[in-house]
Amino acid sequence: MNPVILEGVRTPFGKWKGMLSNIEAKEIGTYAVRELVNRVPEVAEADGVLLAQVLQAGQGQNPARKVAVDAGISRLTPAITLNNVCLAGLATVADAVRRIHFGEGNLYITGGFDSMTNAPYTASVRKEQSIGPLELTDTLLHDGLWCALSDESMGLSTDRKNNDFLITRDEQDTFAQLSQERASNAQRYGWLQEEIVPIDLNGNALTEDEGVRHNSSIEKLATLKPAFAKDGTITAGNASQMTDGASVGIISTEQKAEQLGKQPLAKILGWADVAGPDTSLHTKPAHAIQRLLEKQRLTLDDIDLFEINEAFASVVIASCRELGIGYERVNVNGGAIAIGHPLGGTGFRLILTLAKELQRRGGGKGIASLCGGGGQGMAVLIEVPKHW
């Protein structure tokens, strides 16, 4: 059935407690999905809505369903909310392609959203609180940033694992600066804005990613204190930014695209998932990429561009070492260190950024990949044919 990305869009990614802090996650997701309906009205009658959200506490039943209805999708369209931590946005794409393969439909909305700013605190008070202080659970930390298998902060475990990979603070800061410079350049030339639908905030619109630091420098990065361990090497400057945002798209077929008179963004050629054996993050994107290439009988030389999510600078450093590739083909418009990482909102953003850049270059193949909590990884292969 030749699955394709028919269309895609994202919101600007807002800084932690920044301009999007007064908008809840579902509303951010609604902005993005509503724009898909504006661009492709037929998607209002989609065969399904598959959206990711990681920080679901207090969001109500099936947040994807609420987003869909509020965005103008038919109430006859089923919806499901997926949570595979950071991998969830990519997982929605794979799920849509599976459904198309088995003839369940040919028009699906995918992607995801999260508001890290608005992740609530919770308390288990269903049983009677008889005596003593009430303890609250921070769902941002507990549900989003804490490994359930190793029972520790993913930042702390990654910092410790940096020693095993012999990744230094200087290497991480150097990569972080590269990410900021590339994102700053992409923002300056309007390349990132091609992906973005502005959000109107009572007459004050957010039109671009809020976290890009145009004045970043190695010297400034070097002054930042370790974020997780006293003698650690991960800082707020060389890790992904906590962020609010959404990225969504339409997965369909070439045949349906032709019927709608719509030029797809890219073809979806395949994907691969990996897990374990440990809970570390560093090389999970690399292992997913390697498995994907084996499945597709391709080599690294067949791939023009890579997006490897910058959960931490050391993840990209370790994965590039493992693959034996340089940074010239990786995250060429910056990554989560500069743009931000709104958990469920990141996966499709990587695919969208990748497809847009391949288009600017006249076509080619690209792989979008992430690591995820619990020691998992995922990679998706897309192609923008040169004759499109």
Protein backbone atom coordinates (compact mmCIF):
# COMPACT_ATOMS: atom_id res chain seq x y z
CA MET A 1 0.00 0.00 0.00
CA ASN A 2 3.09 2.30 -0.02
CA PRO A 3 2.62 4.26 3.24
CA VAL A 4 3.47 7.96 3.20
CA ILE A 5 3.54 10.99 5.44
CA LEU A 6 0.81 13.04 3.80
CA GLU A 7 1.23 16.15 5.93
CA GLY A 8 2.81 17.27 9.17
CA VAL A 9 2.92 20.25 11.48
CA ARG A 10 4.00 21.16 14.97
CA THR A 11 3.57 23.92 17.48
CA PRO A 12 6.46 26.07 18.58
CA PHE A 13 8.16 24.34 21.48
CA GLY A 14 7.78 26.46 24.59
CA LYS A 15 10.35 26.70 27.36
CA TRP A 16 9.75 25.21 30.79
CA LYS A 17 7.37 27.63 32.53
CA GLY A 18 7.54 29.81 29.44
CA MET A 19 4.96 31.27 27.05
CA LEU A 20 2.91 28.06 26.81
CA SER A 21 2.74 27.52 30.55
CA ASN A 22 -0.90 28.63 30.77
CA ILE A 23 -2.01 26.14 28.10
CA GLU A 24 -2.61 22.54 29.11
CA ALA A 25 -1.23 19.67 27.07
CA LYS A 26 -4.47 18.73 25.31
CA GLU A 27 -4.98 22.32 24.16
CA ILE A 28 -1.47 22.38 22.69
CA GLY A 29 -2.23 19.14 20.87
CA THR A 30 -5.52 20.57 19.62
CA TYR A 31 -3.76 23.56 18.02
CA ALA A 32 -1.60 21.20 15.97
CA VAL A 33 -4.34 18.75 14.93
CA ARG A 34 -6.68 21.60 14.00
CA GLU A 35 -4.03 22.85 11.57
CA LEU A 36 -3.90 19.41 9.95
CA VAL A 37 -7.65 19.65 9.37
CA ASN A 38 -7.19 23.12 7.88
CA ARG A 39 -4.59 21.81 5.45
CA VAL A 40 -6.29 18.52 4.61
CA PRO A 41 -10.02 18.84 5.35
CA GLU A 42 -10.62 15.19 4.46
CA VAL A 43 -8.72 14.16 7.58
CA ALA A 44 -11.71 15.25 9.66
CA GLU A 45 -13.10 11.85 8.65
CA ALA A 46 -9.86 9.98 9.42
CA ASP A 47 -9.87 6.25 10.05
CA GLY A 48 -8.22 6.76 13.42
CA VAL A 49 -6.34 9.15 15.68
CA LEU A 50 -3.22 7.74 17.35
CA LEU A 51 -1.55 10.29 19.59
CA ALA A 52 1.17 9.99 22.21
CA GLN A 53 1.19 11.54 25.64
CA VAL A 54 3.58 10.58 28.42
CA LEU A 55 2.42 12.82 31.28
CA GLN A 56 -1.22 11.70 31.38
CA ALA A 57 -1.99 12.12 35.10
CA GLY A 58 -5.09 14.24 35.55
CA GLN A 59 -5.66 14.60 31.83
CA GLY A 60 -8.96 12.74 31.78
CA GLN A 61 -10.01 9.71 29.77
CA ASN A 62 -8.12 9.07 26.54
CA PRO A 63 -6.58 12.52 25.90
CA ALA A 64 -6.15 11.76 22.19
CA ARG A 65 -9.92 11.43 21.83
CA LYS A 66 -10.48 14.81 23.48
CA VAL A 67 -7.86 16.47 21.27
CA ALA A 68 -9.40 14.93 18.15
CA VAL A 69 -12.95 16.10 18.90
CA ASP A 70 -11.84 19.59 19.94
CA ALA A 71 -9.81 19.89 16.73
CA GLY A 72 -12.80 19.10 14.54
CA ILE A 73 -12.29 15.40 13.89
CA SER A 74 -15.51 13.42 13.46
CA ARG A 75 -16.88 11.82 16.59
CA LEU A 76 -17.17 8.66 14.50
CA THR A 77 -13.36 8.45 14.31
CA PRO A 78 -11.82 6.22 17.01
CA ALA A 79 -8.85 7.53 18.98
CA ILE A 80 -6.21 5.99 21.21
CA THR A 81 -3.51 7.49 23.44
CA LEU A 82 -0.12 5.77 23.37
CA ASN A 83 2.64 5.96 25.96
CA ASN A 84 6.05 4.52 25.20
CA VAL A 85 7.88 7.37 26.94
CA CYS A 86 10.05 9.30 24.46
CA LEU A 87 9.52 6.72 21.71
CA ALA A 88 5.75 7.18 21.73
CA GLY A 89 5.55 9.68 18.87
CA LEU A 90 7.42 7.32 16.55
CA ALA A 91 5.34 4.39 17.82
CA THR A 92 2.16 6.08 16.61
CA VAL A 93 3.57 6.17 13.08
CA ALA A 94 4.44 2.48 13.15
CA ASP A 95 0.98 1.67 14.52
CA ALA A 96 -0.69 3.61 11.70
CA VAL A 97 1.35 1.81 9.05
CA ARG A 98 0.42 -1.58 10.56
CA ARG A 99 -3.26 -0.66 10.41
CA ILE A 100 -2.91 0.41 6.79
CA HIS A 101 -1.09 -2.84 5.98
CA PHE A 102 -3.95 -4.90 7.38
CA GLY A 103 -6.59 -2.92 5.52
CA GLU A 104 -8.14 -1.19 8.51
CA GLY A 105 -7.98 2.23 6.85
CA ASN A 106 -5.80 4.59 4.83
CA LEU A 107 -5.91 7.90 6.70
CA TYR A 108 -4.53 8.25 10.23
CA ILE A 109 -3.52 11.14 12.47
CA THR A 110 -0.35 10.43 14.43
CA GLY A 111 2.18 12.24 16.62
CA GLY A 112 1.91 13.45 20.18
CA PHE A 113 1.95 16.24 22.75
CA ASP A 114 2.96 17.03 26.31
CA SER A 115 3.19 19.95 28.69
CA MET A 116 6.05 19.34 31.08
CA THR A 117 5.29 22.63 32.81
CA ASN A 118 1.81 21.46 33.78
CA ALA A 119 2.58 17.92 34.95
CA PRO A 120 0.66 17.68 38.24
CA TYR A 121 1.63 16.46 41.68
CA THR A 122 -0.45 13.54 42.93
CA ALA A 123 -1.16 11.89 46.26
CA SER A 124 -2.53 8.45 47.14
CA VAL A 125 -5.27 9.50 49.55
CA ARG A 126 -7.96 7.07 48.47
CA LYS A 127 -7.27 5.14 51.63
CA GLU A 128 -7.88 7.12 54.79
CA GLN A 129 -5.05 9.42 55.79
CA SER A 130 -4.94 8.77 59.53
CA ILE A 131 -1.78 10.51 60.71
CA GLY A 132 1.38 12.18 59.49
CA PRO A 133 2.26 14.45 56.57
CA LEU A 134 0.83 13.90 53.11
CA GLU A 135 3.46 12.96 50.54
CA LEU A 136 3.07 14.17 46.98
CA THR A 137 4.43 12.52 43.83
CA ASP A 138 5.84 14.73 41.10
CA THR A 139 4.46 13.11 37.93
CA LEU A 140 6.96 14.97 35.73
CA LEU A 141 9.76 13.16 37.52
CA HIS A 142 7.96 9.91 38.35
CA ASP A 143 6.18 9.30 35.03
CA GLY A 144 8.51 11.10 32.66
CA LEU A 145 12.09 11.31 33.88
CA TRP A 146 12.48 8.37 36.26
CA CYS A 147 13.43 4.89 35.05
CA ALA A 148 10.88 2.40 36.39
CA LEU A 149 13.29 -0.53 36.00
CA SER A 150 16.41 0.87 37.64
CA ASP A 151 14.37 3.08 40.00
CA GLU A 152 16.50 6.16 39.53
CA SER A 153 16.63 9.39 37.58
CA MET A 154 17.56 8.82 33.96
CA GLY A 155 19.77 11.88 34.23
CA LEU A 156 21.70 10.40 37.13
CA SER A 157 22.08 6.98 35.50
CA THR A 158 23.18 8.55 32.20
CA ASP A 159 25.70 10.74 34.00
CA ARG A 160 27.18 7.69 35.69
CA LYS A 161 27.24 5.73 32.44
CA ASN A 162 29.15 8.54 30.73
CA ASN A 163 32.19 7.28 32.62
CA ASP A 164 31.89 3.84 31.02
CA PHE A 165 31.75 5.43 27.57
CA LEU A 166 34.64 7.78 28.42
CA ILE A 167 32.56 10.80 27.40
CA THR A 168 33.92 14.01 28.89
CA ARG A 169 32.24 17.24 29.94
CA ASP A 170 34.12 19.11 27.20
CA GLU A 171 32.79 16.75 24.52
CA GLN A 172 29.24 17.19 25.75
CA ASP A 173 29.49 20.97 25.93
CA THR A 174 31.05 21.11 22.46
CA PHE A 175 28.19 19.07 21.03
CA ALA A 176 25.64 21.19 22.90
CA GLN A 177 27.12 24.34 21.41
CA LEU A 178 26.90 22.78 17.94
CA SER A 179 23.22 22.03 18.53
CA GLN A 180 22.54 25.62 19.60
CA GLU A 181 24.44 27.08 16.66
CA ARG A 182 22.64 24.87 14.16
CA ALA A 183 19.20 25.58 15.62
CA SER A 184 19.96 29.30 15.76
CA ASN A 185 20.98 29.24 12.11
CA ALA A 186 17.90 27.21 11.10
CA GLN A 187 15.64 29.58 13.01
CA ARG A 188 17.32 32.61 11.48
CA TYR A 189 16.79 31.30 7.95
CA GLY A 190 13.22 30.21 8.65
CA TRP A 191 13.81 26.50 8.09
CA LEU A 192 12.25 25.46 11.39
CA GLN A 193 9.34 27.85 10.92
CA GLU A 194 8.27 25.82 7.87
CA GLU A 195 7.16 23.11 10.33
CA ILE A 196 5.40 25.39 12.81
CA VAL A 197 1.85 26.66 13.27
CA PRO A 198 1.96 29.71 15.59
CA ILE A 199 -0.03 29.68 18.82
CA ASP A 200 -2.01 32.84 19.58
CA LEU A 201 -1.73 33.79 23.24
CA ASN A 202 -4.34 36.53 23.60
CA GLY A 203 -2.88 38.57 20.78
CA ASN A 204 0.74 37.70 21.58
CA ALA A 205 1.64 34.86 19.23
CA LEU A 206 4.44 32.38 19.82
CA THR A 207 5.83 31.79 16.34
CA GLU A 208 9.12 29.99 16.95
CA ASP A 209 10.81 27.64 19.38
CA GLU A 210 11.36 29.51 22.62
CA GLY A 211 14.41 27.66 23.92
CA VAL A 212 16.97 28.35 21.18
CA ARG A 213 19.86 30.25 22.77
CA HIS A 214 21.31 32.49 20.05
CA ASN A 215 24.02 33.79 22.38
CA SER A 216 25.18 30.40 23.63
CA SER A 217 28.93 29.85 23.84
CA ILE A 218 31.36 27.22 25.04
CA GLU A 219 32.45 29.64 27.74
CA LYS A 220 28.90 30.04 29.07
CA LEU A 221 28.26 26.30 28.94
CA ALA A 222 31.42 25.67 30.93
CA THR A 223 30.12 27.77 33.85
CA LEU A 224 27.03 25.59 34.41
CA LYS A 225 26.98 23.32 37.42
CA PRO A 226 26.33 19.56 37.17
CA ALA A 227 22.60 18.85 37.24
CA PHE A 228 22.49 15.35 38.73
CA ALA A 229 25.71 14.49 40.58
CA LYS A 230 28.19 16.73 42.36
CA ASP A 231 31.04 15.47 40.21
CA GLY A 232 28.86 14.78 37.15
CA THR A 233 29.27 16.04 33.60
CA ILE A 234 25.63 16.55 32.57
CA THR A 235 24.32 20.09 32.97
CA ALA A 236 21.21 22.01 31.98
CA GLY A 237 23.19 23.14 28.94
CA ASN A 238 24.16 19.76 27.47
CA ALA A 239 20.86 17.95 28.12
CA SER A 240 17.48 18.33 26.44
CA GLN A 241 15.30 21.17 27.64
CA MET A 242 12.07 20.46 29.50
CA THR A 243 9.46 21.74 27.09
CA ASP A 244 5.79 22.12 26.16
CA GLY A 245 4.69 21.29 22.62
CA ALA A 246 3.07 19.04 20.05
CA SER A 247 3.94 17.55 16.67
CA VAL A 248 1.40 15.71 14.53
CA GLY A 249 1.01 14.31 11.05
CA ILE A 250 -1.14 12.33 8.65
CA ILE A 251 -0.09 8.82 7.66
CA SER A 252 -1.72 7.57 4.49
CA THR A 253 -0.89 5.84 1.19
CA GLU A 254 0.40 7.07 -2.14
CA GLN A 255 -2.89 6.02 -3.68
CA LYS A 256 -4.93 8.05 -1.18
CA ALA A 257 -2.60 11.04 -1.62
CA GLU A 258 -3.16 10.94 -5.37
CA GLN A 259 -6.91 10.70 -4.83
CA LEU A 260 -6.79 13.78 -2.59
CA GLY A 261 -4.50 15.65 -5.00
CA LYS A 262 -1.94 16.04 -2.23
CA GLN A 263 1.85 15.75 -2.56
CA PRO A 264 3.19 13.65 0.36
CA LEU A 265 6.11 14.81 2.48
CA ALA A 266 7.89 11.44 2.42
CA LYS A 267 7.56 7.70 2.07
CA ILE A 268 7.81 5.46 5.15
CA LEU A 269 10.14 2.57 4.36
CA GLY A 270 10.35 0.80 7.72
CA TRP A 271 11.26 0.91 11.38
CA ALA A 272 12.94 -1.08 14.14
CA ASP A 273 12.63 -1.34 17.92
CA VAL A 274 15.28 -2.48 20.40
CA ALA A 275 15.39 -2.99 24.14
CA GLY A 276 17.97 -3.84 26.79
CA PRO A 277 19.78 -5.74 27.97
CA ASP A 278 20.38 -2.87 30.41
CA THR A 279 18.46 0.36 31.04
CA SER A 280 21.13 2.70 29.68
CA LEU A 281 20.22 5.15 26.91
CA HIS A 282 23.51 5.91 25.19
CA THR A 283 23.61 3.48 22.28
CA LYS A 284 19.95 2.51 22.00
CA PRO A 285 19.41 4.81 18.98
CA ALA A 286 22.49 3.32 17.31
CA HIS A 287 21.27 -0.24 17.91
CA ALA A 288 17.82 0.61 16.52
CA ILE A 289 19.43 2.19 13.45
CA GLN A 290 21.66 -0.84 12.93
CA ARG A 291 18.72 -3.23 13.17
CA LEU A 292 16.68 -1.09 10.78
CA LEU A 293 19.47 -1.02 8.21
CA GLU A 294 19.83 -4.80 8.44
CA LYS A 295 16.09 -5.26 7.90
CA GLN A 296 16.13 -2.95 4.89
CA ARG A 297 19.42 -4.38 3.52
CA LEU A 298 20.96 -0.92 3.52
CA THR A 299 24.23 0.52 4.80
CA LEU A 300 25.04 3.75 6.60
CA ASP A 301 26.26 5.15 3.28
CA ASP A 302 22.72 4.82 1.89
CA ILE A 303 21.39 7.30 4.47
CA ASP A 304 21.69 11.00 3.75
CA LEU A 305 20.60 12.39 7.12
CA PHE A 306 20.00 11.21 10.67
CA GLU A 307 17.97 12.65 13.53
CA ILE A 308 19.13 11.23 16.86
CA ASN A 309 17.18 12.76 19.73
CA GLU A 310 19.35 14.81 22.01
CA ALA A 311 17.95 13.51 25.28
CA PHE A 312 21.48 14.12 26.46
CA ALA A 313 24.47 15.19 24.38
CA SER A 314 26.19 11.97 25.44
CA VAL A 315 23.47 9.84 23.80
CA VAL A 316 24.23 11.34 20.39
CA ILE A 317 27.97 11.20 21.01
CA ALA A 318 27.85 7.52 22.02
CA SER A 319 25.49 6.53 19.21
CA CYS A 320 27.58 8.28 16.57
CA ARG A 321 30.70 6.55 17.89
CA GLU A 322 28.92 3.19 17.82
CA LEU A 323 27.79 3.75 14.24
CA GLY A 324 31.06 5.29 13.11
CA ILE A 325 29.47 8.41 11.66
CA GLY A 326 30.33 12.08 12.02
CA TYR A 327 28.06 14.92 13.00
CA GLU A 328 27.85 16.36 9.48
CA ARG A 329 24.80 14.16 8.74
CA VAL A 330 23.27 14.26 12.23
CA ASN A 331 20.77 16.81 13.60
CA VAL A 332 21.81 19.36 10.99
CA ASN A 333 19.23 21.90 12.24
CA GLY A 334 19.98 21.34 15.91
CA GLY A 335 18.12 19.10 18.30
CA ALA A 336 16.43 18.83 21.67
CA ILE A 337 19.28 20.56 23.49
CA ALA A 338 18.29 23.75 21.66
CA ILE A 339 14.75 23.11 20.40
CA GLY A 340 13.40 21.19 23.39
CA HIS A 341 12.00 17.75 24.14
CA PRO A 342 8.30 17.65 25.13
CA LEU A 343 8.39 13.85 25.59
CA GLY A 344 5.34 12.61 23.63
CA GLY A 345 5.67 15.62 21.31
CA THR A 346 9.18 14.81 20.13
CA GLY A 347 9.01 11.65 18.01
CA PHE A 348 7.03 13.05 15.11
CA ARG A 349 8.98 16.33 15.31
CA LEU A 350 12.12 14.38 14.38
CA ILE A 351 10.43 12.82 11.35
CA LEU A 352 8.95 16.16 10.28
CA THR A 353 12.23 18.05 10.60
CA LEU A 354 13.98 15.26 8.71
CA ALA A 355 11.45 15.21 5.86
CA LYS A 356 11.56 18.98 5.45
CA GLU A 357 15.37 19.03 5.32
CA LEU A 358 15.47 16.18 2.79
CA GLN A 359 13.03 18.18 0.65
CA ARG A 360 15.28 21.24 0.81
CA ARG A 361 18.17 19.08 -0.37
CA GLY A 362 16.23 17.66 -3.31
CA GLY A 363 15.42 14.27 -1.79
CA GLY A 364 17.12 11.31 -0.16
CA LYS A 365 16.78 8.85 2.70
CA GLY A 366 16.78 9.68 6.40
CA ILE A 367 16.42 7.96 9.75
CA ALA A 368 14.80 9.44 12.85
CA SER A 369 15.67 7.72 16.13
CA LEU A 370 15.32 8.04 19.90
CA CYS A 371 16.26 6.38 23.13
CA GLY A 372 13.57 5.78 25.72
CA GLY A 373 13.15 5.10 29.40
CA GLY A 374 13.70 1.52 30.50
CA GLY A 375 16.53 1.10 28.01
CA GLN A 376 14.69 1.08 24.69
CA GLY A 377 15.30 2.56 21.25
CA MET A 378 13.42 3.07 18.01
CA ALA A 379 14.29 4.22 14.49
CA VAL A 380 12.10 5.04 11.47
CA LEU A 381 13.36 5.19 7.88
CA ILE A 382 11.81 7.67 5.46
CA GLU A 383 12.55 8.71 1.90
CA VAL A 384 11.84 11.82 -0.11
CA PRO A 385 12.16 10.58 -3.72
CA LYS A 386 14.28 12.82 -5.91
CA HIS A 387 11.61 12.85 -8.62
CA TRP A 388 8.93 14.33 -6.32
